[in-house]
Amino acid sequence: MEKEHVQCLLDEAYAALRNLSEKIAKLEDEAGQLHQAGLNKMIGVGIHGDPTKFQHGTKDQIHEVQSQLCKLNYFMEEAREEERRILAEINEFQEKVKA
């Protein structure tokens, strides 16, 4: 294989990995925000900015946040699996190039 072709393949793999890492970071941030929203609903949040008046979330609201967190966790795990697969392919390719 030509050196330029090998470098091009590696560059594409690393770009895919960077994009995936950014996607994972966004999903983790969204999960954190949802987790905080869930905590706010379970604990109760101030009404109209008055921290002395609380309205607790309904079971349905809490369940919805938990459901969204489960979905996000699933997507994050899929993305992490894809990230591991790409890394394995990069490593395998680099080993072939070295041989």
C-alpha atoms as a PDB file:
ATOM      1  CA  MET A   1       0.000   0.000   0.000  1.00  0.00           C
ATOM      2  CA  GLU A   2       1.144   3.493  -0.721  1.00  0.00           C
ATOM      3  CA  LYS A   3       2.140   5.541   2.263  1.00  0.00           C
ATOM      4  CA  GLU A   4      -0.248   8.347   1.237  1.00  0.00           C
ATOM      5  CA  HIS A   5      -3.172   5.917   0.986  1.00  0.00           C
ATOM      6  CA  VAL A   6      -2.396   4.463   4.408  1.00  0.00           C
ATOM      7  CA  GLN A   7      -2.201   7.944   5.921  1.00  0.00           C
ATOM      8  CA  CYS A   8      -5.494   8.888   4.278  1.00  0.00           C
ATOM      9  CA  LEU A   9      -7.204   5.823   5.769  1.00  0.00           C
ATOM     10  CA  LEU A  10      -5.796   6.599   9.205  1.00  0.00           C
ATOM     11  CA  ASP A  11      -6.863  10.251   8.935  1.00  0.00           C
ATOM     12  CA  GLU A  12     -10.415   9.169   8.064  1.00  0.00           C
ATOM     13  CA  ALA A  13     -10.510   6.757  10.993  1.00  0.00           C
ATOM     14  CA  TYR A  14      -9.242   9.386  13.419  1.00  0.00           C
ATOM     15  CA  ALA A  15     -11.779  11.917  12.096  1.00  0.00           C
ATOM     16  CA  ALA A  16     -14.581   9.389  12.664  1.00  0.00           C
ATOM     17  CA  LEU A  17     -13.244   8.783  16.152  1.00  0.00           C
ATOM     18  CA  ARG A  18     -13.156  12.521  16.941  1.00  0.00           C
ATOM     19  CA  ASN A  19     -16.734  12.943  15.703  1.00  0.00           C
ATOM     20  CA  LEU A  20     -17.846  10.010  17.816  1.00  0.00           C
ATOM     21  CA  SER A  21     -16.062  11.372  20.880  1.00  0.00           C
ATOM     22  CA  GLU A  22     -17.835  14.711  20.408  1.00  0.00           C
ATOM     23  CA  LYS A  23     -21.174  12.894  20.107  1.00  0.00           C
ATOM     24  CA  ILE A  24     -20.481  10.981  23.327  1.00  0.00           C
ATOM     25  CA  ALA A  25     -19.574  14.215  25.128  1.00  0.00           C
ATOM     26  CA  LYS A  26     -22.843  15.827  23.996  1.00  0.00           C
ATOM     27  CA  LEU A  27     -24.844  12.785  25.098  1.00  0.00           C
ATOM     28  CA  GLU A  28     -23.106  12.801  28.484  1.00  0.00           C
ATOM     29  CA  ASP A  29     -23.885  16.509  28.888  1.00  0.00           C
ATOM     30  CA  GLU A  30     -27.527  15.927  27.976  1.00  0.00           C
ATOM     31  CA  ALA A  31     -27.688  13.005  30.400  1.00  0.00           C
ATOM     32  CA  GLY A  32     -26.299  15.223  33.159  1.00  0.00           C
ATOM     33  CA  GLN A  33     -28.908  17.870  32.452  1.00  0.00           C
ATOM     34  CA  LEU A  34     -31.677  15.280  32.441  1.00  0.00           C
ATOM     35  CA  HIS A  35     -30.382  13.770  35.652  1.00  0.00           C
ATOM     36  CA  GLN A  36     -30.490  17.203  37.296  1.00  0.00           C
ATOM     37  CA  ALA A  37     -34.006  17.772  35.945  1.00  0.00           C
ATOM     38  CA  GLY A  38     -35.031  14.437  37.414  1.00  0.00           C
ATOM     39  CA  LEU A  39     -33.551  15.342  40.777  1.00  0.00           C
ATOM     40  CA  ASN A  40     -35.345  18.676  40.695  1.00  0.00           C
ATOM     41  CA  LYS A  41     -38.634  16.919  39.991  1.00  0.00           C
ATOM     42  CA  MET A  42     -38.106  14.332  42.727  1.00  0.00           C
ATOM     43  CA  ILE A  43     -36.961  16.826  45.340  1.00  0.00           C
ATOM     44  CA  GLY A  44     -39.186  19.659  44.219  1.00  0.00           C
ATOM     45  CA  VAL A  45     -38.289  22.982  42.686  1.00  0.00           C
ATOM     46  CA  GLY A  46     -39.116  26.513  43.659  1.00  0.00           C
ATOM     47  CA  ILE A  47     -42.311  27.940  42.165  1.00  0.00           C
ATOM     48  CA  HIS A  48     -41.856  31.185  40.225  1.00  0.00           C
ATOM     49  CA  GLY A  49     -38.397  31.653  41.683  1.00  0.00           C
ATOM     50  CA  ASP A  50     -39.618  31.455  45.282  1.00  0.00           C
ATOM     51  CA  PRO A  51     -37.413  28.860  46.979  1.00  0.00           C
ATOM     52  CA  THR A  52     -39.821  28.656  49.926  1.00  0.00           C
ATOM     53  CA  LYS A  53     -42.654  27.259  47.791  1.00  0.00           C
ATOM     54  CA  PHE A  54     -42.112  23.834  46.282  1.00  0.00           C
ATOM     55  CA  GLN A  55     -43.997  21.774  43.779  1.00  0.00           C
ATOM     56  CA  HIS A  56     -42.979  18.153  43.602  1.00  0.00           C
ATOM     57  CA  GLY A  57     -42.905  16.401  40.257  1.00  0.00           C
ATOM     58  CA  THR A  58     -45.586  13.876  39.527  1.00  0.00           C
ATOM     59  CA  LYS A  59     -44.719  10.209  39.181  1.00  0.00           C
ATOM     60  CA  ASP A  60     -45.369  10.534  35.434  1.00  0.00           C
ATOM     61  CA  GLN A  61     -42.909  13.434  35.134  1.00  0.00           C
ATOM     62  CA  ILE A  62     -40.271  11.551  37.097  1.00  0.00           C
ATOM     63  CA  HIS A  63     -40.875   8.407  35.031  1.00  0.00           C
ATOM     64  CA  GLU A  64     -40.490  10.431  31.803  1.00  0.00           C
ATOM     65  CA  VAL A  65     -37.126  11.804  32.918  1.00  0.00           C
ATOM     66  CA  GLN A  66     -35.982   8.330  33.942  1.00  0.00           C
ATOM     67  CA  SER A  67     -37.116   6.959  30.576  1.00  0.00           C
ATOM     68  CA  GLN A  68     -35.180   9.661  28.728  1.00  0.00           C
ATOM     69  CA  LEU A  69     -32.088   8.898  30.811  1.00  0.00           C
ATOM     70  CA  CYS A  70     -32.362   5.205  29.929  1.00  0.00           C
ATOM     71  CA  LYS A  71     -32.582   6.073  26.221  1.00  0.00           C
ATOM     72  CA  LEU A  72     -29.567   8.377  26.478  1.00  0.00           C
ATOM     73  CA  ASN A  73     -27.570   5.727  28.311  1.00  0.00           C
ATOM     74  CA  TYR A  74     -28.408   3.259  25.533  1.00  0.00           C
ATOM     75  CA  PHE A  75     -27.252   5.705  22.848  1.00  0.00           C
ATOM     76  CA  MET A  76     -24.079   6.489  24.798  1.00  0.00           C
ATOM     77  CA  GLU A  77     -23.267   2.795  25.129  1.00  0.00           C
ATOM     78  CA  GLU A  78     -23.821   2.303  21.398  1.00  0.00           C
ATOM     79  CA  ALA A  79     -21.511   5.238  20.671  1.00  0.00           C
ATOM     80  CA  ARG A  80     -18.860   3.912  23.057  1.00  0.00           C
ATOM     81  CA  GLU A  81     -19.060   0.492  21.404  1.00  0.00           C
ATOM     82  CA  GLU A  82     -18.581   2.124  18.008  1.00  0.00           C
ATOM     83  CA  GLU A  83     -15.649   4.077  19.446  1.00  0.00           C
ATOM     84  CA  ARG A  84     -14.053   0.826  20.677  1.00  0.00           C
ATOM     85  CA  ARG A  85     -14.639  -0.795  17.288  1.00  0.00           C
ATOM     86  CA  ILE A  86     -12.971   2.091  15.438  1.00  0.00           C
ATOM     87  CA  LEU A  87     -10.003   2.034  17.823  1.00  0.00           C
ATOM     88  CA  ALA A  88      -9.632  -1.714  17.316  1.00  0.00           C
ATOM     89  CA  GLU A  89      -9.698  -1.245  13.550  1.00  0.00           C
ATOM     90  CA  ILE A  90      -7.078   1.512  13.764  1.00  0.00           C
ATOM     91  CA  ASN A  91      -4.838  -0.678  15.915  1.00  0.00           C
ATOM     92  CA  GLU A  92      -5.304  -3.668  13.611  1.00  0.00           C
ATOM     93  CA  PHE A  93      -4.553  -1.543  10.571  1.00  0.00           C
ATOM     94  CA  GLN A  94      -1.435  -0.081  12.176  1.00  0.00           C
ATOM     95  CA  GLU A  95      -0.204  -3.586  13.019  1.00  0.00           C
ATOM     96  CA  LYS A  96      -0.672  -4.663   9.390  1.00  0.00           C
ATOM     97  CA  VAL A  97       1.216  -1.603   8.184  1.00  0.00           C
ATOM     98  CA  LYS A  98       4.101  -2.309  10.578  1.00  0.00           C
ATOM     99  CA  ALA A  99       4.345  -5.945   9.409  1.00  0.00           C
END
